[in-house]
Protein backbone atom coordinates (compact mmCIF):
# COMPACT_ATOMS: atom_id res chain seq x y z
CA ARG A 1 -87.54 21.35 -9.91
CA ALA A 2 -84.61 19.42 -10.35
CA ARG A 3 -82.90 16.79 -7.98
CA ARG A 4 -80.11 14.48 -8.44
CA THR A 5 -80.44 10.84 -7.08
CA ALA A 6 -77.74 8.52 -6.67
CA ASP A 7 -78.46 7.09 -10.06
CA ALA A 8 -80.47 10.02 -12.23
CA LEU A 9 -81.22 13.02 -12.95
CA VAL A 10 -85.09 13.88 -11.82
CA ILE A 11 -87.08 16.25 -13.35
CA GLU A 12 -90.47 17.53 -12.03
CA VAL A 13 -92.65 19.86 -14.34
CA ALA A 14 -95.83 20.90 -12.39
CA ASP A 15 -98.88 23.00 -13.15
CA THR A 16 -101.86 24.31 -11.21
CA GLY A 17 -104.03 24.40 -13.74
CA ALA A 18 -107.57 22.68 -14.59
CA GLY A 19 -105.79 19.18 -14.31
CA VAL A 20 -106.97 16.04 -15.95
CA ASP A 21 -107.60 12.67 -15.58
CA VAL A 22 -104.07 10.84 -16.43
CA GLY A 23 -105.66 7.45 -17.79
CA GLU A 24 -108.00 9.47 -20.08
CA LEU A 25 -105.02 10.93 -21.50
CA ALA A 26 -103.52 7.79 -22.06
CA ARG A 27 -106.52 6.31 -23.74
CA ARG A 28 -106.73 9.30 -25.95
CA ARG A 29 -102.89 9.37 -26.92
CA ALA A 30 -103.27 5.88 -27.63
CA ALA A 31 -105.66 6.49 -30.29
CA GLY A 32 -104.03 9.23 -31.53
CA ARG A 33 -105.94 11.84 -30.41
CA GLY A 34 -103.26 13.30 -28.21
CA GLY A 35 -101.15 16.48 -28.35
CA VAL A 36 -97.34 16.08 -29.88
CA GLY A 37 -95.17 17.45 -26.84
CA LEU A 38 -95.64 14.34 -24.45
CA ASP A 39 -95.02 11.89 -27.43
CA ASN A 40 -92.28 13.78 -28.65
CA VAL A 41 -90.78 14.05 -25.14
CA GLU A 42 -90.93 10.28 -24.84
CA ARG A 43 -89.73 9.54 -28.01
CA ARG A 44 -86.52 11.57 -27.26
CA VAL A 45 -86.01 9.97 -23.95
CA ALA A 46 -86.80 6.50 -25.43
CA ARG A 47 -84.26 7.21 -28.18
CA LEU A 48 -81.43 8.59 -26.30
CA TYR A 49 -81.74 6.19 -22.58
CA GLY A 50 -83.89 3.41 -23.40
CA ALA A 51 -85.26 1.49 -21.00
CA ALA A 52 -83.39 3.00 -18.59
CA GLY A 53 -84.98 6.90 -19.20
CA ARG A 54 -88.76 6.79 -18.07
CA VAL A 55 -91.67 9.97 -18.36
CA THR A 56 -94.27 9.53 -15.75
CA LEU A 57 -97.81 11.45 -15.74
CA ALA A 58 -99.36 12.73 -12.38
CA GLY A 59 -102.74 14.87 -12.12
CA ALA A 60 -106.25 14.64 -12.05
CA PRO A 61 -109.14 16.70 -12.40
CA GLY A 62 -108.98 20.20 -10.66
CA ALA A 63 -105.34 19.06 -9.63
CA GLY A 64 -103.04 20.38 -12.04
CA LEU A 65 -100.64 17.79 -13.70
CA THR A 66 -96.96 16.62 -12.98
CA VAL A 67 -94.75 15.17 -15.71
CA THR A 68 -91.32 13.70 -14.25
CA LEU A 69 -88.49 13.04 -16.38
CA VAL A 70 -85.74 10.23 -14.82
CA LEU A 71 -82.53 10.30 -16.82
CA PRO A 72 -79.94 7.91 -15.90
CA LEU A 73 -76.34 9.53 -15.07
CA ASP A 74 -74.33 6.32 -15.16
CA GLY A 75 -73.64 7.04 -19.11
CA ALA A 76 -76.95 4.59 -20.26
CA ALA A 77 -77.34 6.68 -23.08
CA VAL A 78 -77.96 4.55 -26.77
CA ALA A 79 -77.07 5.76 -30.01
CA PRO A 80 -80.29 7.11 -31.53
CA GLU A 81 -82.09 5.02 -33.81
CA PRO A 82 -82.61 6.70 -37.49
CA VAL A 83 -85.72 8.93 -37.88
CA THR A 84 -88.57 7.70 -39.54
CA ALA A 85 -91.91 8.38 -40.45
CA GLY A 86 -93.25 5.26 -38.62
CA THR A 87 -91.45 6.73 -35.76
CA LEU A 88 -92.63 10.21 -35.82
CA ALA A 89 -96.27 8.39 -36.03
CA THR A 90 -96.50 6.14 -33.64
CA SER A 91 -95.90 6.41 -29.42
CA ALA A 92 -95.32 3.21 -27.60
CA SER A 93 -95.16 4.56 -24.31
CA ALA A 94 -98.64 5.70 -24.73
CA SER A 95 -99.96 2.17 -25.72
CA ARG A 96 -98.23 1.46 -22.27
CA LEU A 97 -100.10 4.04 -20.64
CA ALA A 98 -103.14 3.00 -21.61
CA ALA A 99 -102.59 -0.43 -21.22
CA ALA A 100 -102.04 0.35 -17.68
CA ALA A 101 -104.89 3.07 -17.20
């Protein structure tokens, strides 16, 4: 589902699967035991929109998972930084999620 707000495009991708404990997922990702899909999306959003773009997760065991992307519409895109081996191997967002859990 996608919708436009006054200043952003909000895209929600939801499933009705087995769900996941979002806090546990954040801890696994921060420890380098997560998949590459969410890290890839988070890196791309951060590289294109900086702090103005967001990727959030909501879900619980037995209740599915919703991934929400918030992409600013005000021209806030930033120039992408070069990709390096260190950039590909880290995820600041995963660390922030783990700290918040």
